[in-house]
Amino acid sequence: MKIGVLSLQGDFIKHRKMLESLSVDVVLVKYDHDLKDINGLILPGGESTTIGKLLIKFKLMDLIKEKIKSGMPVFGTCAGMILLARNINNADQPGLRLLDIEVERNGYGSQIESFEADLLLKIPEKKKIRGVFIRAPLIKNTGKNVKILSTFNEAPVVVLENNILAANFHPELTENNSLHKYFLSICRDASMS
């Protein structure tokens, strides 16, 4: 299995290390040819506006969008989730707009209000994970086909819609690989269908 990690900006190195610890071949995606023959793509945390502008500059936005629409699994964390969101409150920024959620950037507060929390992940067996929320976006609404896999203070924090997985925190900053393993299972299922 070969997984791409978008490497234009953000914490892509931590995702690469997490995947390599799971014995996965990793491709750091910066150019269109990096998207060939990958089984899935991770959109990391970072600065969503910057990543969106770089996706356009490197001519990746439309290509990634088409690959996701064609069934390639994608996993967006924090800024990656913002890029995937169909609606971004009070922000005029480039995005993929494929995941039927409404988000508010920095919905939990600024950098100094970042925090960690224990979460229960339902994938389908229940697992406890630690969420690292850094200037995290808040999921305000979800579409009817979006499955909520974890919540914090009654708000969704991990969601799934078809081949799109998203978390508003940074699972790659912990030792727990449950979400990455779950994403790999989605990639395996997609490659067999």
N, C-alpha and C. Protein backbone atom coordinates (compact mmCIF):
# COMPACT_ATOMS: atom_id res chain seq x y z
N MET A 1 0.85 -1.18 0.00
CA MET A 1 0.00 0.00 0.00
C MET A 1 0.89 1.24 0.00
N LYS A 2 0.46 2.24 -0.79
CA LYS A 2 1.23 3.48 -0.92
C LYS A 2 0.30 4.65 -0.61
N ILE A 3 0.67 5.43 0.38
CA ILE A 3 -0.15 6.56 0.82
C ILE A 3 0.60 7.86 0.57
N GLY A 4 -0.09 8.82 -0.01
CA GLY A 4 0.48 10.14 -0.22
C GLY A 4 0.18 11.04 0.96
N VAL A 5 1.12 11.92 1.27
CA VAL A 5 0.91 12.95 2.29
C VAL A 5 1.22 14.29 1.63
N LEU A 6 0.22 15.15 1.55
CA LEU A 6 0.44 16.46 0.94
C LEU A 6 1.53 17.19 1.70
N SER A 7 2.55 17.66 0.99
CA SER A 7 3.73 18.22 1.67
C SER A 7 4.04 19.64 1.23
N LEU A 8 3.00 20.44 1.02
CA LEU A 8 3.20 21.83 0.61
C LEU A 8 3.46 22.73 1.81
N GLN A 9 2.85 22.43 2.94
CA GLN A 9 2.99 23.22 4.17
C GLN A 9 2.34 22.43 5.29
N GLY A 10 2.76 22.66 6.52
CA GLY A 10 2.12 22.01 7.65
C GLY A 10 2.94 20.86 8.21
N ASP A 11 2.29 20.04 9.04
CA ASP A 11 2.99 19.00 9.80
C ASP A 11 2.99 17.65 9.09
N PHE A 12 3.33 17.66 7.81
CA PHE A 12 3.30 16.43 7.02
C PHE A 12 4.34 15.40 7.46
N ILE A 13 5.45 15.84 8.03
CA ILE A 13 6.51 14.91 8.46
C ILE A 13 6.00 13.98 9.56
N LYS A 14 5.19 14.50 10.48
CA LYS A 14 4.65 13.66 11.57
C LYS A 14 3.72 12.59 11.01
N HIS A 15 2.92 12.94 10.00
CA HIS A 15 2.06 11.94 9.36
C HIS A 15 2.92 10.88 8.68
N ARG A 16 3.97 11.31 8.00
CA ARG A 16 4.85 10.35 7.32
C ARG A 16 5.43 9.37 8.34
N LYS A 17 5.91 9.87 9.47
CA LYS A 17 6.50 9.00 10.50
C LYS A 17 5.47 8.02 11.05
N MET A 18 4.24 8.50 11.26
CA MET A 18 3.18 7.63 11.76
C MET A 18 2.90 6.50 10.76
N LEU A 19 2.80 6.84 9.48
CA LEU A 19 2.55 5.83 8.45
C LEU A 19 3.71 4.85 8.32
N GLU A 20 4.93 5.37 8.38
CA GLU A 20 6.10 4.50 8.28
C GLU A 20 6.17 3.54 9.46
N SER A 21 5.70 3.97 10.64
CA SER A 21 5.66 3.07 11.80
C SER A 21 4.66 1.94 11.59
N LEU A 22 3.74 2.13 10.64
CA LEU A 22 2.75 1.11 10.29
C LEU A 22 3.17 0.34 9.04
N SER A 23 4.44 0.47 8.66
CA SER A 23 5.03 -0.23 7.50
C SER A 23 4.33 0.09 6.18
N VAL A 24 4.00 1.36 6.01
CA VAL A 24 3.35 1.82 4.79
C VAL A 24 4.35 2.59 3.95
N ASP A 25 4.30 2.39 2.62
CA ASP A 25 5.11 3.22 1.72
C ASP A 25 4.48 4.60 1.66
N VAL A 26 5.30 5.62 1.85
CA VAL A 26 4.80 7.00 1.89
C VAL A 26 5.39 7.80 0.74
N VAL A 27 4.52 8.57 0.08
CA VAL A 27 4.95 9.50 -0.96
C VAL A 27 4.62 10.91 -0.48
N LEU A 28 5.63 11.77 -0.39
CA LEU A 28 5.36 13.17 -0.07
C LEU A 28 4.89 13.85 -1.35
N VAL A 29 3.66 14.34 -1.33
CA VAL A 29 3.01 14.87 -2.53
C VAL A 29 3.22 16.38 -2.63
N LYS A 30 3.90 16.77 -3.70
CA LYS A 30 4.11 18.18 -3.98
C LYS A 30 3.78 18.52 -5.43
N TYR A 31 3.89 17.54 -6.31
CA TYR A 31 3.64 17.74 -7.73
C TYR A 31 2.63 16.72 -8.22
N ASP A 32 2.05 16.96 -9.40
CA ASP A 32 1.00 16.08 -9.91
C ASP A 32 1.47 14.63 -10.08
N HIS A 33 2.73 14.43 -10.49
CA HIS A 33 3.20 13.04 -10.69
C HIS A 33 3.30 12.27 -9.37
N ASP A 34 3.34 12.98 -8.24
CA ASP A 34 3.39 12.31 -6.93
C ASP A 34 2.07 11.62 -6.60
N LEU A 35 1.01 11.99 -7.29
CA LEU A 35 -0.32 11.42 -7.02
C LEU A 35 -0.55 10.09 -7.75
N LYS A 36 0.37 9.72 -8.63
CA LYS A 36 0.19 8.47 -9.38
C LYS A 36 0.36 7.27 -8.46
N ASP A 37 -0.49 6.30 -8.64
CA ASP A 37 -0.37 5.00 -7.96
C ASP A 37 -0.42 5.07 -6.44
N ILE A 38 -1.07 6.09 -5.88
CA ILE A 38 -1.25 6.09 -4.42
C ILE A 38 -2.64 5.54 -4.11
N ASN A 39 -2.75 4.91 -2.94
CA ASN A 39 -4.02 4.31 -2.52
C ASN A 39 -4.85 5.24 -1.65
N GLY A 40 -4.27 6.36 -1.25
CA GLY A 40 -4.98 7.32 -0.41
C GLY A 40 -4.09 8.53 -0.19
N LEU A 41 -4.70 9.60 0.33
CA LEU A 41 -3.98 10.86 0.53
C LEU A 41 -4.33 11.46 1.87
N ILE A 42 -3.33 11.94 2.58
CA ILE A 42 -3.54 12.67 3.83
C ILE A 42 -3.29 14.16 3.58
N LEU A 43 -4.24 14.98 4.01
CA LEU A 43 -4.10 16.43 3.99
C LEU A 43 -3.81 16.86 5.43
N PRO A 44 -2.59 17.31 5.72
CA PRO A 44 -2.20 17.55 7.11
C PRO A 44 -2.72 18.88 7.65
N GLY A 45 -2.48 19.07 8.95
CA GLY A 45 -2.73 20.35 9.58
C GLY A 45 -1.68 21.35 9.12
N GLY A 46 -1.94 22.60 9.40
CA GLY A 46 -1.05 23.68 9.01
C GLY A 46 -1.89 24.94 8.91
N GLU A 47 -1.70 25.73 7.88
CA GLU A 47 -2.48 26.95 7.67
C GLU A 47 -3.33 26.72 6.42
N SER A 48 -4.63 26.59 6.62
CA SER A 48 -5.51 26.16 5.53
C SER A 48 -5.52 27.12 4.35
N THR A 49 -5.47 28.42 4.59
CA THR A 49 -5.47 29.37 3.48
C THR A 49 -4.20 29.22 2.66
N THR A 50 -3.08 29.10 3.34
CA THR A 50 -1.79 28.93 2.66
C THR A 50 -1.77 27.64 1.85
N ILE A 51 -2.21 26.54 2.47
CA ILE A 51 -2.23 25.26 1.75
C ILE A 51 -3.14 25.35 0.52
N GLY A 52 -4.30 25.98 0.69
CA GLY A 52 -5.22 26.14 -0.44
C GLY A 52 -4.60 26.91 -1.59
N LYS A 53 -3.91 28.00 -1.27
CA LYS A 53 -3.25 28.81 -2.31
C LYS A 53 -2.13 28.01 -2.99
N LEU A 54 -1.40 27.22 -2.19
CA LEU A 54 -0.32 26.41 -2.76
C LEU A 54 -0.87 25.28 -3.63
N LEU A 55 -2.04 24.73 -3.26
CA LEU A 55 -2.67 23.72 -4.11
C LEU A 55 -2.97 24.28 -5.50
N ILE A 56 -3.37 25.53 -5.54
CA ILE A 56 -3.64 26.18 -6.82
C ILE A 56 -2.32 26.46 -7.55
N LYS A 57 -1.35 27.02 -6.83
CA LYS A 57 -0.06 27.36 -7.44
C LYS A 57 0.63 26.14 -8.04
N PHE A 58 0.56 25.01 -7.33
CA PHE A 58 1.22 23.79 -7.81
C PHE A 58 0.31 22.95 -8.71
N LYS A 59 -0.85 23.53 -9.08
CA LYS A 59 -1.81 22.89 -9.99
C LYS A 59 -2.26 21.51 -9.49
N LEU A 60 -2.54 21.45 -8.19
CA LEU A 60 -2.98 20.19 -7.58
C LEU A 60 -4.46 20.20 -7.19
N MET A 61 -5.05 21.38 -7.02
CA MET A 61 -6.42 21.48 -6.49
C MET A 61 -7.40 20.64 -7.32
N ASP A 62 -7.47 20.90 -8.62
CA ASP A 62 -8.45 20.19 -9.45
C ASP A 62 -8.14 18.71 -9.57
N LEU A 63 -6.87 18.38 -9.65
CA LEU A 63 -6.47 16.97 -9.77
C LEU A 63 -6.84 16.17 -8.52
N ILE A 64 -6.55 16.74 -7.36
CA ILE A 64 -6.90 16.06 -6.10
C ILE A 64 -8.42 15.95 -5.98
N LYS A 65 -9.11 17.00 -6.32
CA LYS A 65 -10.57 17.00 -6.25
C LYS A 65 -11.15 15.87 -7.11
N GLU A 66 -10.65 15.74 -8.32
CA GLU A 66 -11.14 14.69 -9.23
C GLU A 66 -10.82 13.29 -8.70
N LYS A 67 -9.62 13.12 -8.15
CA LYS A 67 -9.25 11.80 -7.60
C LYS A 67 -10.16 11.42 -6.44
N ILE A 68 -10.47 12.39 -5.57
CA ILE A 68 -11.37 12.12 -4.43
C ILE A 68 -12.77 11.80 -4.95
N LYS A 69 -13.25 12.58 -5.90
CA LYS A 69 -14.59 12.32 -6.49
C LYS A 69 -14.64 10.95 -7.14
N SER A 70 -13.50 10.49 -7.65
CA SER A 70 -13.43 9.17 -8.30
C SER A 70 -13.26 8.03 -7.30
N GLY A 71 -13.19 8.34 -6.00
CA GLY A 71 -13.17 7.30 -4.99
C GLY A 71 -11.88 7.16 -4.20
N MET A 72 -10.84 7.94 -4.51
CA MET A 72 -9.61 7.82 -3.73
C MET A 72 -9.87 8.30 -2.30
N PRO A 73 -9.54 7.47 -1.30
CA PRO A 73 -9.72 7.89 0.09
C PRO A 73 -8.80 9.05 0.44
N VAL A 74 -9.33 9.95 1.28
CA VAL A 74 -8.56 11.10 1.76
C VAL A 74 -8.83 11.26 3.25
N PHE A 75 -7.82 11.70 3.98
CA PHE A 75 -7.91 11.93 5.42
C PHE A 75 -7.37 13.32 5.69
N GLY A 76 -8.25 14.22 6.12
CA GLY A 76 -7.85 15.59 6.44
C GLY A 76 -7.83 15.81 7.94
N THR A 77 -6.72 16.38 8.43
CA THR A 77 -6.62 16.70 9.85
C THR A 77 -6.47 18.21 10.01
N CYS A 78 -7.25 18.78 10.90
CA CYS A 78 -7.23 20.21 11.23
C CYS A 78 -7.36 21.05 9.96
N ALA A 79 -6.29 21.69 9.50
CA ALA A 79 -6.38 22.49 8.27
C ALA A 79 -6.83 21.63 7.08
N GLY A 80 -6.41 20.37 7.04
CA GLY A 80 -6.84 19.47 5.99
C GLY A 80 -8.34 19.27 5.98
N MET A 81 -8.94 19.24 7.18
CA MET A 81 -10.38 19.14 7.28
C MET A 81 -11.05 20.41 6.77
N ILE A 82 -10.46 21.57 7.08
CA ILE A 82 -11.02 22.83 6.58
C ILE A 82 -11.02 22.83 5.06
N LEU A 83 -9.93 22.38 4.46
CA LEU A 83 -9.85 22.34 2.99
C LEU A 83 -10.92 21.44 2.39
N LEU A 84 -11.28 20.38 3.10
CA LEU A 84 -12.29 19.43 2.60
C LEU A 84 -13.72 19.94 2.81
N ALA A 85 -13.93 20.82 3.79
CA ALA A 85 -15.28 21.25 4.18
C ALA A 85 -16.00 21.98 3.05
N ARG A 86 -17.26 21.66 2.91
CA ARG A 86 -18.09 22.33 1.89
C ARG A 86 -18.31 23.80 2.26
N ASN A 87 -18.50 24.08 3.55
CA ASN A 87 -18.76 25.45 4.00
C ASN A 87 -17.78 25.84 5.09
N ILE A 88 -17.11 26.99 4.88
CA ILE A 88 -16.17 27.53 5.86
C ILE A 88 -16.71 28.89 6.27
N ASN A 89 -17.13 29.01 7.54
CA ASN A 89 -17.72 30.26 8.01
C ASN A 89 -16.72 31.41 7.99
N ASN A 90 -17.20 32.56 7.57
CA ASN A 90 -16.43 33.81 7.63
C ASN A 90 -15.05 33.70 7.03
N ALA A 91 -14.90 32.95 5.96
CA ALA A 91 -13.60 32.83 5.32
C ALA A 91 -13.79 32.68 3.82
N ASP A 92 -13.09 33.50 3.09
CA ASP A 92 -13.09 33.40 1.63
C ASP A 92 -11.73 32.84 1.25
N GLN A 93 -11.65 31.53 1.15
CA GLN A 93 -10.37 30.88 0.87
C GLN A 93 -10.57 29.71 -0.06
N PRO A 94 -9.51 29.34 -0.78
CA PRO A 94 -9.63 28.18 -1.67
C PRO A 94 -9.80 26.89 -0.89
N GLY A 95 -10.57 25.98 -1.46
CA GLY A 95 -10.77 24.69 -0.81
C GLY A 95 -11.30 23.66 -1.78
N LEU A 96 -11.30 22.41 -1.34
CA LEU A 96 -11.81 21.31 -2.16
C LEU A 96 -13.33 21.23 -2.11
N ARG A 97 -13.92 21.61 -0.97
CA ARG A 97 -15.38 21.72 -0.81
C ARG A 97 -16.13 20.42 -1.12
N LEU A 98 -15.63 19.30 -0.63
CA LEU A 98 -16.22 18.00 -0.94
C LEU A 98 -16.93 17.33 0.24
N LEU A 99 -16.57 17.68 1.45
CA LEU A 99 -17.13 17.05 2.65
C LEU A 99 -18.30 17.89 3.15
N ASP A 100 -19.46 17.27 3.33
CA ASP A 100 -20.68 18.00 3.66
C ASP A 100 -20.71 18.39 5.15
N ILE A 101 -19.81 19.31 5.49
CA ILE A 101 -19.78 19.86 6.84
C ILE A 101 -19.61 21.38 6.75
N GLU A 102 -20.01 22.04 7.83
CA GLU A 102 -19.79 23.47 7.98
C GLU A 102 -18.81 23.64 9.14
N VAL A 103 -17.73 24.38 8.89
CA VAL A 103 -16.71 24.57 9.93
C VAL A 103 -16.48 26.04 10.21
N GLU A 104 -16.02 26.29 11.42
CA GLU A 104 -15.58 27.62 11.83
C GLU A 104 -14.10 27.52 12.18
N ARG A 105 -13.27 28.23 11.43
CA ARG A 105 -11.83 28.23 11.70
C ARG A 105 -11.58 28.74 13.12
N ASN A 106 -10.57 28.15 13.78
CA ASN A 106 -10.20 28.54 15.15
C ASN A 106 -11.42 28.56 16.08
N GLY A 107 -12.34 27.63 15.86
CA GLY A 107 -13.59 27.61 16.61
C GLY A 107 -13.45 27.36 18.10
N TYR A 108 -12.32 26.82 18.53
CA TYR A 108 -12.09 26.59 19.96
C TYR A 108 -11.20 27.67 20.56
N GLY A 109 -10.80 28.65 19.75
CA GLY A 109 -9.98 29.75 20.26
C GLY A 109 -8.64 29.84 19.55
N SER A 110 -7.83 30.75 20.03
CA SER A 110 -6.53 31.03 19.42
C SER A 110 -5.47 30.01 19.87
N GLN A 111 -4.27 30.24 19.42
CA GLN A 111 -3.14 29.35 19.73
C GLN A 111 -3.00 29.09 21.24
N ILE A 112 -3.14 30.15 22.05
CA ILE A 112 -2.94 29.98 23.51
C ILE A 112 -4.07 29.19 24.16
N GLU A 113 -5.17 29.01 23.45
CA GLU A 113 -6.28 28.22 23.98
C GLU A 113 -6.26 26.78 23.45
N SER A 114 -5.15 26.38 22.87
CA SER A 114 -5.01 24.99 22.40
C SER A 114 -5.06 24.06 23.61
N PHE A 115 -5.50 22.81 23.39
CA PHE A 115 -5.68 21.88 24.51
C PHE A 115 -5.63 20.44 24.01
N GLU A 116 -5.58 19.52 24.97
CA GLU A 116 -5.68 18.09 24.68
C GLU A 116 -6.89 17.53 25.42
N ALA A 117 -7.48 16.48 24.86
CA ALA A 117 -8.65 15.87 25.49
C ALA A 117 -8.71 14.39 25.13
N ASP A 118 -9.25 13.59 26.06
CA ASP A 118 -9.51 12.18 25.78
C ASP A 118 -10.80 12.07 24.98
N LEU A 119 -10.76 11.23 23.95
CA LEU A 119 -11.91 11.07 23.06
C LEU A 119 -12.24 9.59 22.90
N LEU A 120 -13.50 9.31 22.61
CA LEU A 120 -13.93 7.95 22.30
C LEU A 120 -14.20 7.88 20.81
N LEU A 121 -13.49 7.00 20.13
CA LEU A 121 -13.59 6.85 18.69
C LEU A 121 -14.38 5.59 18.39
N LYS A 122 -15.42 5.71 17.56
CA LYS A 122 -16.27 4.55 17.20
C LYS A 122 -15.98 4.16 15.75
N ILE A 123 -15.15 3.11 15.55
CA ILE A 123 -14.68 2.81 14.17
C ILE A 123 -14.66 1.34 13.73
N PRO A 124 -15.53 0.46 13.87
CA PRO A 124 -16.75 0.44 14.66
C PRO A 124 -16.51 0.05 16.12
N GLU A 125 -15.40 -0.67 16.39
CA GLU A 125 -15.12 -0.96 17.80
C GLU A 125 -14.66 0.33 18.48
N LYS A 126 -15.02 0.50 19.73
CA LYS A 126 -14.70 1.75 20.43
C LYS A 126 -13.24 1.74 20.88
N LYS A 127 -12.58 2.87 20.67
CA LYS A 127 -11.19 3.03 21.07
C LYS A 127 -11.03 4.39 21.73
N LYS A 128 -10.22 4.44 22.77
CA LYS A 128 -9.90 5.73 23.38
C LYS A 128 -8.68 6.30 22.68
N ILE A 129 -8.77 7.58 22.34
CA ILE A 129 -7.64 8.27 21.74
C ILE A 129 -7.48 9.63 22.42
N ARG A 130 -6.34 10.22 22.21
CA ARG A 130 -6.06 11.56 22.75
C ARG A 130 -6.11 12.55 21.59
N GLY A 131 -6.88 13.60 21.76
CA GLY A 131 -6.98 14.63 20.73
C GLY A 131 -6.12 15.82 21.10
N VAL A 132 -5.28 16.25 20.17
CA VAL A 132 -4.46 17.45 20.35
C VAL A 132 -5.08 18.54 19.48
N PHE A 133 -5.72 19.52 20.12
CA PHE A 133 -6.46 20.57 19.43
C PHE A 133 -5.62 21.85 19.42
N ILE A 134 -5.10 22.21 18.25
CA ILE A 134 -4.27 23.40 18.11
C ILE A 134 -4.97 24.35 17.13
N ARG A 135 -5.48 25.47 17.66
CA ARG A 135 -6.27 26.40 16.82
C ARG A 135 -7.28 25.61 15.99
N ALA A 136 -7.94 24.69 16.64
CA ALA A 136 -8.79 23.72 15.94
C ALA A 136 -10.05 24.35 15.37
N PRO A 137 -10.44 23.90 14.17
CA PRO A 137 -11.73 24.31 13.63
C PRO A 137 -12.86 23.59 14.37
N LEU A 138 -13.99 24.24 14.45
CA LEU A 138 -15.16 23.66 15.09
C LEU A 138 -16.14 23.23 13.99
N ILE A 139 -16.59 21.98 14.07
CA ILE A 139 -17.61 21.50 13.13
C ILE A 139 -18.96 21.96 13.64
N LYS A 140 -19.59 22.87 12.89
CA LYS A 140 -20.86 23.47 13.31
C LYS A 140 -22.06 22.64 12.87
N ASN A 141 -21.97 22.04 11.68
CA ASN A 141 -23.07 21.25 11.13
C ASN A 141 -22.52 20.15 10.25
N THR A 142 -23.28 19.06 10.17
CA THR A 142 -22.90 17.95 9.28
C THR A 142 -24.10 17.60 8.39
N GLY A 143 -23.81 17.20 7.17
CA GLY A 143 -24.86 16.77 6.26
C GLY A 143 -25.42 15.42 6.66
N LYS A 144 -26.53 15.04 6.05
CA LYS A 144 -27.23 13.83 6.47
C LYS A 144 -26.45 12.55 6.20
N ASN A 145 -25.51 12.56 5.26
CA ASN A 145 -24.73 11.35 4.95
C ASN A 145 -23.39 11.29 5.67
N VAL A 146 -23.14 12.26 6.54
CA VAL A 146 -21.88 12.30 7.28
C VAL A 146 -22.03 11.51 8.58
N LYS A 147 -21.14 10.54 8.78
CA LYS A 147 -21.14 9.75 10.02
C LYS A 147 -20.24 10.44 11.03
N ILE A 148 -20.72 10.57 12.24
CA ILE A 148 -19.93 11.16 13.32
C ILE A 148 -19.27 10.02 14.09
N LEU A 149 -17.94 9.99 14.06
CA LEU A 149 -17.19 8.90 14.68
C LEU A 149 -16.66 9.25 16.06
N SER A 150 -16.64 10.53 16.41
CA SER A 150 -16.21 10.95 17.74
C SER A 150 -16.69 12.38 17.98
N THR A 151 -16.95 12.68 19.26
CA THR A 151 -17.39 14.02 19.64
C THR A 151 -16.59 14.53 20.83
N PHE A 152 -16.60 15.84 21.00
CA PHE A 152 -16.04 16.49 22.19
C PHE A 152 -17.01 17.60 22.56
N ASN A 153 -17.49 17.58 23.82
CA ASN A 153 -18.49 18.56 24.27
C ASN A 153 -19.67 18.63 23.28
N GLU A 154 -20.10 17.45 22.84
CA GLU A 154 -21.26 17.26 21.96
C GLU A 154 -21.05 17.73 20.52
N ALA A 155 -19.89 18.26 20.20
CA ALA A 155 -19.60 18.66 18.81
C ALA A 155 -18.80 17.57 18.12
N PRO A 156 -19.08 17.29 16.84
CA PRO A 156 -18.30 16.28 16.12
C PRO A 156 -16.83 16.69 16.02
N VAL A 157 -15.94 15.71 16.16
CA VAL A 157 -14.50 15.98 15.98
C VAL A 157 -13.86 15.03 14.98
N VAL A 158 -14.50 13.88 14.72
CA VAL A 158 -14.06 12.96 13.66
C VAL A 158 -15.30 12.59 12.86
N VAL A 159 -15.22 12.78 11.54
CA VAL A 159 -16.37 12.50 10.68
C VAL A 159 -15.93 11.71 9.44
N LEU A 160 -16.90 11.01 8.86
CA LEU A 160 -16.65 10.20 7.67
C LEU A 160 -17.83 10.37 6.72
N GLU A 161 -17.51 10.66 5.46
CA GLU A 161 -18.53 10.67 4.41
C GLU A 161 -17.95 9.95 3.21
N ASN A 162 -18.48 8.76 2.96
CA ASN A 162 -17.98 7.92 1.86
C ASN A 162 -16.47 7.67 2.01
N ASN A 163 -15.66 8.21 1.12
CA ASN A 163 -14.21 7.97 1.13
C ASN A 163 -13.43 9.12 1.79
N ILE A 164 -14.16 10.02 2.48
CA ILE A 164 -13.52 11.19 3.09
C ILE A 164 -13.59 11.09 4.61
N LEU A 165 -12.42 10.99 5.24
CA LEU A 165 -12.29 10.96 6.70
C LEU A 165 -11.68 12.28 7.13
N ALA A 166 -12.17 12.84 8.22
CA ALA A 166 -11.62 14.11 8.69
C ALA A 166 -11.68 14.20 10.21
N ALA A 167 -10.65 14.83 10.77
CA ALA A 167 -10.57 15.09 12.20
C ALA A 167 -10.14 16.54 12.39
N ASN A 168 -10.70 17.22 13.39
CA ASN A 168 -10.34 18.62 13.57
C ASN A 168 -9.15 18.80 14.51
N PHE A 169 -8.50 17.70 14.87
CA PHE A 169 -7.33 17.76 15.75
C PHE A 169 -6.16 17.07 15.07
N HIS A 170 -5.08 16.85 15.82
CA HIS A 170 -3.83 16.31 15.26
C HIS A 170 -3.52 14.92 15.83
N PRO A 171 -4.04 13.84 15.23
CA PRO A 171 -3.75 12.49 15.74
C PRO A 171 -2.29 12.10 15.56
N GLU A 172 -1.61 12.74 14.61
CA GLU A 172 -0.20 12.42 14.33
C GLU A 172 0.75 12.91 15.43
N LEU A 173 0.24 13.74 16.34
CA LEU A 173 1.08 14.26 17.43
C LEU A 173 1.02 13.41 18.68
N THR A 174 0.37 12.25 18.59
CA THR A 174 0.30 11.32 19.72
C THR A 174 0.94 10.00 19.31
N GLU A 175 1.03 9.09 20.26
CA GLU A 175 1.55 7.76 19.97
C GLU A 175 0.46 6.82 19.45
N ASN A 176 -0.80 7.24 19.58
CA ASN A 176 -1.93 6.39 19.20
C ASN A 176 -2.14 6.43 17.69
N ASN A 177 -2.07 5.26 17.06
CA ASN A 177 -2.20 5.20 15.59
C ASN A 177 -3.57 4.71 15.12
N SER A 178 -4.57 4.72 16.01
CA SER A 178 -5.89 4.17 15.68
C SER A 178 -6.53 4.84 14.47
N LEU A 179 -6.47 6.15 14.38
CA LEU A 179 -7.10 6.84 13.24
C LEU A 179 -6.36 6.57 11.94
N HIS A 180 -5.04 6.52 12.01
CA HIS A 180 -4.27 6.21 10.80
C HIS A 180 -4.55 4.76 10.35
N LYS A 181 -4.65 3.84 11.31
CA LYS A 181 -4.98 2.45 10.96
C LYS A 181 -6.37 2.38 10.32
N TYR A 182 -7.29 3.13 10.87
CA TYR A 182 -8.65 3.15 10.31
C TYR A 182 -8.63 3.69 8.89
N PHE A 183 -7.88 4.76 8.66
CA PHE A 183 -7.76 5.30 7.31
C PHE A 183 -7.16 4.27 6.36
N LEU A 184 -6.16 3.54 6.81
CA LEU A 184 -5.55 2.50 5.96
C LEU A 184 -6.57 1.41 5.62
N SER A 185 -7.46 1.10 6.56
CA SER A 185 -8.50 0.09 6.27
C SER A 185 -9.45 0.61 5.20
N ILE A 186 -9.74 1.90 5.21
CA ILE A 186 -10.60 2.51 4.17
C ILE A 186 -9.88 2.41 2.82
N CYS A 187 -8.58 2.69 2.83
CA CYS A 187 -7.77 2.60 1.58
C CYS A 187 -7.74 1.18 1.04
N ARG A 188 -7.59 0.20 1.95
CA ARG A 188 -7.56 -1.22 1.52
C ARG A 188 -8.89 -1.60 0.90
N ASP A 189 -9.99 -1.23 1.56
CA ASP A 189 -11.31 -1.55 1.03
C ASP A 189 -11.53 -0.91 -0.34
N ALA A 190 -11.08 0.33 -0.50
CA ALA A 190 -11.26 1.03 -1.78
C ALA A 190 -10.45 0.38 -2.88
N SER A 191 -9.25 -0.09 -2.55
CA SER A 191 -8.40 -0.71 -3.59
C SER A 191 -8.91 -2.08 -4.00
N MET A 192 -9.74 -2.71 -3.17
CA MET A 192 -10.30 -4.03 -3.51
C MET A 192 -11.61 -3.92 -4.29
N SER A 193 -12.21 -2.73 -4.28
CA SER A 193 -13.52 -2.61 -4.96
C SER A 193 -13.38 -2.16 -6.39
